[in-house]
N, C-alpha and C. Protein backbone atom coordinates (compact mmCIF):
# COMPACT_ATOMS: atom_id res chain seq x y z
N MET A 1 -115.82 -20.22 -40.93
CA MET A 1 -114.94 -19.54 -39.91
C MET A 1 -115.47 -19.40 -38.68
N GLU A 2 -116.96 -19.40 -38.58
CA GLU A 2 -117.19 -19.19 -37.19
C GLU A 2 -117.28 -20.58 -36.44
N ARG A 3 -117.14 -21.52 -36.88
CA ARG A 3 -117.08 -22.85 -36.52
C ARG A 3 -115.66 -22.93 -36.02
N ASP A 4 -114.64 -22.31 -36.60
CA ASP A 4 -113.29 -22.54 -36.26
C ASP A 4 -113.07 -21.56 -34.98
N ASP A 5 -113.85 -20.55 -35.03
CA ASP A 5 -113.43 -19.53 -33.69
C ASP A 5 -114.34 -20.23 -32.61
N ARG A 6 -115.35 -20.97 -32.82
CA ARG A 6 -116.04 -21.58 -31.55
C ARG A 6 -115.08 -22.69 -31.01
N ALA A 7 -114.53 -23.53 -31.88
CA ALA A 7 -113.38 -24.51 -31.57
C ALA A 7 -112.33 -24.06 -30.76
N VAL A 8 -112.00 -22.93 -31.26
CA VAL A 8 -110.70 -22.34 -30.67
C VAL A 8 -111.10 -21.82 -29.20
N GLU A 9 -112.47 -21.16 -29.20
CA GLU A 9 -112.84 -20.66 -27.82
C GLU A 9 -112.99 -21.71 -26.64
N LYS A 10 -113.85 -22.77 -27.34
CA LYS A 10 -113.91 -24.18 -26.51
C LYS A 10 -112.55 -24.60 -26.09
N TYR A 11 -111.44 -24.53 -26.92
CA TYR A 11 -110.27 -25.29 -26.61
C TYR A 11 -109.80 -24.12 -25.21
N LEU A 12 -109.72 -22.75 -25.54
CA LEU A 12 -109.05 -22.10 -24.60
C LEU A 12 -109.84 -21.94 -23.25
N GLN A 13 -110.91 -22.68 -23.14
CA GLN A 13 -111.82 -22.42 -21.95
C GLN A 13 -111.34 -23.45 -21.07
N GLU A 14 -110.67 -24.42 -21.55
CA GLU A 14 -109.96 -25.64 -20.95
C GLU A 14 -109.03 -25.06 -19.82
N PHE A 15 -108.30 -23.97 -20.14
CA PHE A 15 -107.22 -23.59 -19.40
C PHE A 15 -108.06 -22.47 -18.36
N HIS A 16 -107.09 -22.91 -17.07
CA HIS A 16 -107.74 -21.71 -16.07
C HIS A 16 -106.71 -21.18 -15.29
N PRO A 17 -106.72 -20.13 -15.10
CA PRO A 17 -105.57 -19.04 -14.54
C PRO A 17 -105.21 -19.63 -13.00
N ARG A 18 -103.93 -19.83 -12.74
CA ARG A 18 -103.55 -20.22 -11.39
C ARG A 18 -103.66 -19.06 -10.46
N SER A 19 -103.66 -19.38 -9.30
CA SER A 19 -103.63 -18.14 -8.19
C SER A 19 -101.95 -17.93 -8.06
N LEU A 20 -101.75 -16.72 -7.69
CA LEU A 20 -100.44 -16.32 -7.40
C LEU A 20 -99.67 -16.85 -5.94
N ARG A 21 -98.75 -17.53 -6.05
CA ARG A 21 -98.24 -17.82 -4.80
C ARG A 21 -97.17 -16.85 -4.07
N ALA A 22 -96.92 -16.99 -2.90
CA ALA A 22 -96.07 -16.21 -2.35
C ALA A 22 -94.74 -16.29 -2.60
N LEU A 23 -93.77 -15.06 -2.89
CA LEU A 23 -92.44 -15.25 -3.42
C LEU A 23 -91.58 -15.93 -2.34
N GLN A 24 -90.69 -16.74 -2.77
CA GLN A 24 -89.76 -17.44 -1.71
C GLN A 24 -88.70 -16.49 -1.57
N PRO A 25 -88.22 -16.56 -0.33
CA PRO A 25 -87.02 -15.48 -0.03
C PRO A 25 -85.76 -16.19 -0.68
N VAL A 26 -84.97 -15.13 -1.04
CA VAL A 26 -83.79 -15.50 -1.82
C VAL A 26 -82.51 -16.13 -0.97
N ALA A 27 -82.22 -16.95 -1.17
CA ALA A 27 -80.75 -17.53 -0.42
C ALA A 27 -79.90 -16.62 -0.34
N PRO A 28 -79.27 -16.15 0.89
CA PRO A 28 -78.23 -15.27 0.96
C PRO A 28 -76.96 -15.73 -0.04
N PRO A 29 -76.19 -14.95 -0.38
CA PRO A 29 -74.93 -15.27 -1.35
C PRO A 29 -73.93 -16.07 -0.41
N ARG A 30 -73.32 -17.06 -1.08
CA ARG A 30 -72.55 -17.76 -0.20
C ARG A 30 -71.26 -16.94 0.02
N SER A 31 -70.67 -17.41 1.03
CA SER A 31 -69.64 -16.49 1.87
C SER A 31 -68.33 -16.85 0.85
N LEU A 32 -67.57 -15.99 0.53
CA LEU A 32 -66.44 -16.17 -0.27
C LEU A 32 -65.15 -16.56 0.33
N TRP A 33 -65.20 -16.62 1.73
CA TRP A 33 -64.07 -16.75 2.84
C TRP A 33 -63.57 -18.28 2.53
N ILE A 34 -64.40 -19.15 2.24
CA ILE A 34 -64.16 -20.53 2.12
C ILE A 34 -63.38 -20.66 0.83
N GLY A 35 -63.67 -20.14 -0.49
CA GLY A 35 -63.14 -20.19 -1.62
C GLY A 35 -61.70 -19.54 -1.27
N ARG A 36 -61.66 -18.42 -0.91
CA ARG A 36 -60.29 -17.83 -0.44
C ARG A 36 -59.44 -18.55 0.21
N LEU A 37 -59.80 -19.06 1.26
CA LEU A 37 -58.98 -19.96 2.18
C LEU A 37 -58.63 -21.17 1.33
N ALA A 38 -59.38 -21.91 0.59
CA ALA A 38 -58.98 -23.12 -0.40
C ALA A 38 -57.98 -22.74 -1.35
N ALA A 39 -57.96 -21.22 -1.73
CA ALA A 39 -57.07 -20.87 -2.69
C ALA A 39 -55.73 -20.78 -2.07
N ALA A 40 -55.74 -20.11 -0.90
CA ALA A 40 -54.71 -19.90 0.09
C ALA A 40 -53.77 -21.01 0.37
N ALA A 41 -54.80 -21.94 0.72
CA ALA A 41 -54.26 -23.42 1.10
C ALA A 41 -53.41 -24.08 -0.06
N VAL A 42 -54.12 -24.04 -1.23
CA VAL A 42 -53.33 -24.60 -2.41
C VAL A 42 -52.06 -23.97 -2.68
N LEU A 43 -51.97 -22.53 -2.60
CA LEU A 43 -50.85 -21.83 -2.87
C LEU A 43 -49.76 -22.14 -1.87
N VAL A 44 -50.12 -21.94 -0.55
CA VAL A 44 -49.10 -22.48 0.46
C VAL A 44 -48.47 -24.13 0.30
N LEU A 45 -49.40 -24.86 0.12
CA LEU A 45 -48.95 -26.17 -0.51
C LEU A 45 -48.07 -26.28 -1.67
N GLY A 46 -48.34 -25.55 -2.59
CA GLY A 46 -47.40 -25.64 -3.92
C GLY A 46 -46.09 -24.93 -3.44
N LEU A 47 -46.08 -23.77 -2.69
CA LEU A 47 -44.81 -23.28 -2.51
C LEU A 47 -43.87 -23.89 -1.54
N GLY A 48 -44.52 -24.61 -0.76
CA GLY A 48 -44.01 -25.77 0.24
C GLY A 48 -43.33 -26.77 -0.33
N THR A 49 -44.04 -27.15 -1.36
CA THR A 49 -43.53 -28.32 -2.31
C THR A 49 -42.42 -27.93 -2.99
N ALA A 50 -42.38 -26.89 -3.65
CA ALA A 50 -41.23 -26.15 -4.30
C ALA A 50 -40.05 -25.89 -3.72
N ILE A 51 -40.40 -25.29 -2.57
CA ILE A 51 -38.92 -25.23 -1.43
C ILE A 51 -38.48 -26.77 -1.30
N TRP A 52 -39.41 -27.28 -0.60
CA TRP A 52 -38.82 -28.83 -0.22
C TRP A 52 -38.14 -29.51 -1.46
N LEU A 53 -38.52 -29.40 -2.48
CA LEU A 53 -37.81 -30.09 -3.79
C LEU A 53 -36.48 -29.38 -3.84
N GLY A 54 -36.54 -28.20 -3.83
CA GLY A 54 -35.22 -27.36 -3.94
C GLY A 54 -34.34 -27.64 -3.00
N ASN A 55 -34.68 -27.70 -1.87
CA ASN A 55 -33.69 -28.26 -0.62
C ASN A 55 -33.29 -29.57 -0.92
N ARG A 56 -34.30 -30.28 -1.45
CA ARG A 56 -33.61 -31.92 -1.52
C ARG A 56 -32.83 -32.07 -2.45
N ARG A 57 -32.83 -31.21 -3.59
CA ARG A 57 -31.70 -31.41 -4.65
C ARG A 57 -30.48 -30.84 -4.04
N GLN A 58 -30.34 -29.84 -3.20
CA GLN A 58 -28.98 -29.68 -2.66
C GLN A 58 -28.54 -30.65 -1.69
N HIS A 59 -29.17 -31.26 -1.02
CA HIS A 59 -28.74 -32.31 -0.14
C HIS A 59 -28.78 -33.71 -0.51
N THR A 60 -28.82 -34.16 -1.81
CA THR A 60 -28.98 -35.35 -2.27
C THR A 60 -27.33 -36.02 -2.38
N GLY A 61 -26.47 -35.20 -2.05
CA GLY A 61 -25.14 -35.73 -2.03
C GLY A 61 -24.65 -35.56 -3.47
N VAL A 62 -25.11 -35.28 -4.63
CA VAL A 62 -24.46 -35.00 -5.81
C VAL A 62 -23.46 -34.02 -5.91
N PRO A 63 -22.24 -34.29 -6.02
CA PRO A 63 -21.04 -33.33 -6.21
C PRO A 63 -21.46 -32.30 -7.16
N PRO A 64 -21.07 -31.19 -6.67
CA PRO A 64 -21.21 -29.85 -7.53
C PRO A 64 -20.26 -30.10 -8.88
N ALA A 65 -20.68 -29.42 -9.75
CA ALA A 65 -19.79 -29.64 -11.15
C ALA A 65 -18.35 -28.90 -10.64
N PRO A 66 -17.29 -29.63 -11.21
CA PRO A 66 -16.05 -29.26 -11.04
C PRO A 66 -15.72 -27.86 -11.36
N GLN A 67 -15.34 -26.98 -10.55
CA GLN A 67 -14.63 -25.66 -11.00
C GLN A 67 -13.43 -25.58 -11.48
N VAL A 68 -13.05 -24.83 -12.68
CA VAL A 68 -11.82 -24.86 -13.15
C VAL A 68 -11.08 -23.71 -12.75
N ALA A 69 -9.96 -23.98 -12.09
CA ALA A 69 -9.04 -22.97 -11.63
C ALA A 69 -8.70 -22.01 -12.48
N THR A 70 -8.76 -20.68 -12.44
CA THR A 70 -8.23 -19.76 -13.24
C THR A 70 -6.75 -19.05 -12.66
N ALA A 71 -6.04 -18.88 -13.59
CA ALA A 71 -4.88 -18.49 -13.51
C ALA A 71 -4.58 -17.07 -12.71
N GLN A 72 -3.85 -16.88 -11.59
CA GLN A 72 -4.02 -15.66 -10.96
C GLN A 72 -3.03 -14.74 -11.62
N ARG A 73 -3.73 -13.43 -11.45
CA ARG A 73 -2.92 -12.44 -11.95
C ARG A 73 -1.76 -11.97 -11.26
N ASN A 74 -0.51 -11.93 -11.94
CA ASN A 74 0.61 -11.58 -11.29
C ASN A 74 0.75 -10.11 -10.79
N SER A 75 1.31 -9.79 -9.54
CA SER A 75 1.14 -8.43 -9.24
C SER A 75 2.11 -7.41 -9.75
N THR A 76 3.01 -8.20 -10.51
CA THR A 76 4.05 -7.52 -11.16
C THR A 76 3.54 -7.11 -12.77
N ASP A 77 2.38 -7.32 -12.81
CA ASP A 77 1.79 -7.20 -14.37
C ASP A 77 1.42 -5.52 -14.56
N ASP A 78 1.92 -5.05 -15.66
CA ASP A 78 1.93 -3.85 -15.77
C ASP A 78 0.74 -3.29 -16.66
N THR A 79 -0.02 -4.38 -17.17
CA THR A 79 -0.96 -3.86 -18.10
C THR A 79 -2.29 -3.56 -17.41
N PRO A 80 -2.69 -2.33 -17.94
CA PRO A 80 -3.93 -1.74 -17.19
C PRO A 80 -5.14 -2.76 -17.46
N SER A 81 -6.07 -2.57 -16.48
CA SER A 81 -7.27 -3.32 -16.68
C SER A 81 -8.32 -3.17 -17.91
N MET A 82 -8.77 -3.89 -18.43
CA MET A 82 -9.48 -3.39 -19.57
C MET A 82 -10.87 -3.54 -19.18
N ASN A 83 -11.72 -2.40 -19.43
CA ASN A 83 -12.99 -2.65 -19.37
C ASN A 83 -13.80 -2.51 -20.73
N ALA A 84 -15.03 -2.62 -20.90
CA ALA A 84 -15.72 -2.60 -22.13
C ALA A 84 -15.62 -1.47 -22.99
N ILE A 85 -15.45 -0.34 -22.36
CA ILE A 85 -15.07 1.15 -23.11
C ILE A 85 -13.68 0.79 -23.88
N ARG A 86 -12.74 0.56 -23.07
CA ARG A 86 -11.35 0.65 -23.52
C ARG A 86 -11.20 -0.54 -24.50
N LEU A 87 -11.94 -1.60 -24.29
CA LEU A 87 -11.84 -2.57 -25.42
C LEU A 87 -12.55 -2.32 -26.82
N THR A 88 -13.51 -1.61 -26.64
CA THR A 88 -14.22 -1.13 -27.66
C THR A 88 -13.50 -0.11 -28.65
N ARG A 89 -12.95 0.97 -27.93
CA ARG A 89 -12.13 1.84 -28.42
C ARG A 89 -10.86 1.26 -29.04
N LEU A 90 -10.32 0.10 -28.52
CA LEU A 90 -8.99 -0.32 -29.00
C LEU A 90 -9.50 -1.30 -30.34
N ALA A 91 -10.62 -1.84 -30.18
CA ALA A 91 -10.96 -2.46 -31.56
C ALA A 91 -11.18 -1.51 -32.66
N LEU A 92 -11.82 -0.57 -32.43
CA LEU A 92 -12.04 0.31 -33.35
C LEU A 92 -10.68 1.16 -33.85
N GLU A 93 -9.70 1.23 -33.13
CA GLU A 93 -8.49 2.10 -33.42
C GLU A 93 -7.52 0.95 -34.09
N ASP A 94 -7.25 -0.06 -33.21
CA ASP A 94 -6.10 -0.93 -33.53
C ASP A 94 -6.44 -2.43 -33.55
N GLU A 95 -6.79 -3.04 -34.59
CA GLU A 95 -7.41 -4.30 -34.42
C GLU A 95 -6.24 -5.43 -33.97
N GLN A 96 -5.18 -5.06 -34.50
CA GLN A 96 -4.10 -5.98 -34.10
C GLN A 96 -3.69 -6.31 -32.57
N THR A 97 -3.75 -4.61 -31.74
CA THR A 97 -3.59 -4.76 -30.44
C THR A 97 -4.49 -5.39 -29.61
N PHE A 98 -6.05 -5.16 -30.12
CA PHE A 98 -6.96 -5.75 -29.58
C PHE A 98 -7.01 -7.19 -29.71
N GLU A 99 -6.63 -7.76 -30.81
CA GLU A 99 -6.32 -9.30 -30.83
C GLU A 99 -5.53 -9.76 -29.73
N ALA A 100 -4.41 -8.89 -29.83
CA ALA A 100 -3.26 -9.43 -28.87
C ALA A 100 -3.68 -9.48 -27.50
N GLN A 101 -4.53 -8.42 -27.08
CA GLN A 101 -5.24 -8.16 -25.74
C GLN A 101 -5.96 -9.21 -25.53
N LEU A 102 -6.96 -9.63 -26.36
CA LEU A 102 -7.82 -10.68 -26.29
C LEU A 102 -7.18 -11.97 -25.87
N ASP A 103 -6.03 -12.28 -26.93
CA ASP A 103 -5.30 -13.46 -26.67
C ASP A 103 -4.71 -13.60 -25.19
N ASP A 104 -4.14 -12.38 -24.88
CA ASP A 104 -3.48 -12.47 -23.67
C ASP A 104 -4.65 -12.54 -22.23
N GLN A 105 -5.70 -11.87 -22.38
CA GLN A 105 -6.59 -12.28 -21.46
C GLN A 105 -7.25 -13.67 -21.25
N SER A 106 -7.43 -14.19 -22.43
CA SER A 106 -8.04 -15.59 -22.51
C SER A 106 -7.01 -16.47 -21.95
N ARG A 107 -5.59 -16.26 -22.27
CA ARG A 107 -4.66 -17.20 -21.48
C ARG A 107 -4.80 -16.89 -19.94
N ARG A 108 -4.96 -15.81 -19.61
CA ARG A 108 -5.12 -15.74 -18.10
C ARG A 108 -6.32 -16.28 -17.44
N VAL A 109 -7.42 -16.06 -18.34
CA VAL A 109 -8.65 -16.13 -17.43
C VAL A 109 -9.40 -17.74 -17.81
N LEU A 110 -9.19 -18.04 -19.02
CA LEU A 110 -9.94 -19.32 -19.32
C LEU A 110 -8.86 -20.55 -19.10
N PRO A 111 -9.38 -21.54 -18.90
CA PRO A 111 -8.54 -22.90 -18.46
C PRO A 111 -7.92 -23.52 -19.72
N SER A 112 -6.76 -23.97 -19.49
CA SER A 112 -6.05 -24.58 -20.87
C SER A 112 -6.15 -25.84 -20.69
N PHE A 113 -6.58 -26.72 -21.88
CA PHE A 113 -6.64 -28.07 -22.13
C PHE A 113 -5.89 -28.61 -22.94
N PRO A 114 -4.99 -29.89 -22.52
CA PRO A 114 -4.05 -30.48 -23.60
C PRO A 114 -4.70 -30.89 -25.01
N GLU A 115 -3.97 -30.87 -25.70
CA GLU A 115 -4.37 -31.00 -27.15
C GLU A 115 -5.40 -32.19 -27.58
N GLU A 116 -5.23 -33.39 -26.62
CA GLU A 116 -6.04 -34.43 -27.00
C GLU A 116 -7.41 -33.96 -26.57
N GLN A 117 -7.56 -33.36 -25.49
CA GLN A 117 -8.90 -32.97 -24.76
C GLN A 117 -9.77 -31.71 -25.65
N ARG A 118 -9.04 -31.15 -26.47
CA ARG A 118 -9.62 -30.19 -27.59
C ARG A 118 -10.60 -30.93 -28.37
N ARG A 119 -11.94 -30.70 -28.39
CA ARG A 119 -13.04 -31.20 -29.39
C ARG A 119 -13.19 -30.08 -30.46
N LEU A 120 -12.84 -28.82 -30.24
CA LEU A 120 -13.32 -27.66 -31.23
C LEU A 120 -11.96 -27.28 -32.11
N ASN A 121 -11.18 -28.04 -32.36
CA ASN A 121 -9.76 -27.59 -32.92
C ASN A 121 -10.37 -27.07 -34.38
N PHE A 122 -11.25 -27.52 -34.97
CA PHE A 122 -11.45 -27.15 -36.27
C PHE A 122 -12.04 -25.77 -36.29
N LEU A 123 -12.60 -25.16 -35.12
CA LEU A 123 -13.05 -23.97 -35.18
C LEU A 123 -11.84 -22.78 -34.89
N ALA A 124 -10.95 -23.31 -34.59
CA ALA A 124 -9.70 -22.36 -33.96
C ALA A 124 -9.12 -21.40 -35.16
N LYS A 125 -8.79 -20.36 -35.21
CA LYS A 125 -8.16 -19.46 -36.15
C LYS A 125 -6.85 -19.81 -36.60
N GLU A 126 -6.53 -19.88 -37.83
CA GLU A 126 -5.30 -20.32 -38.24
C GLU A 126 -4.37 -19.35 -38.68
């Protein structure tokens, strides 16, 4: 065992401590304004591109979707204007009148199509 201790001691004597060196000054932290400037530039570029593409679609000459003309209400019409509360009350109290009112409103507001242009005839009430 003493022989092992001597071998270990001999091995450890091969190492010599180093002298301490002076501390290096720490580099100052990188300024954040460059990163913020780059982020702002990317944001401005993205918004500019979105606005440009939006305006480009408006000015491409593609005609807007055709608007269907609605029938004008006659000034001699005596029926009171129906709002959501009146329609709800009418639906709860008198279903027949409610259905008649909805049919009348739909004829005034919705466009009418000739029979051959109707694609959803099978869904209509009978």
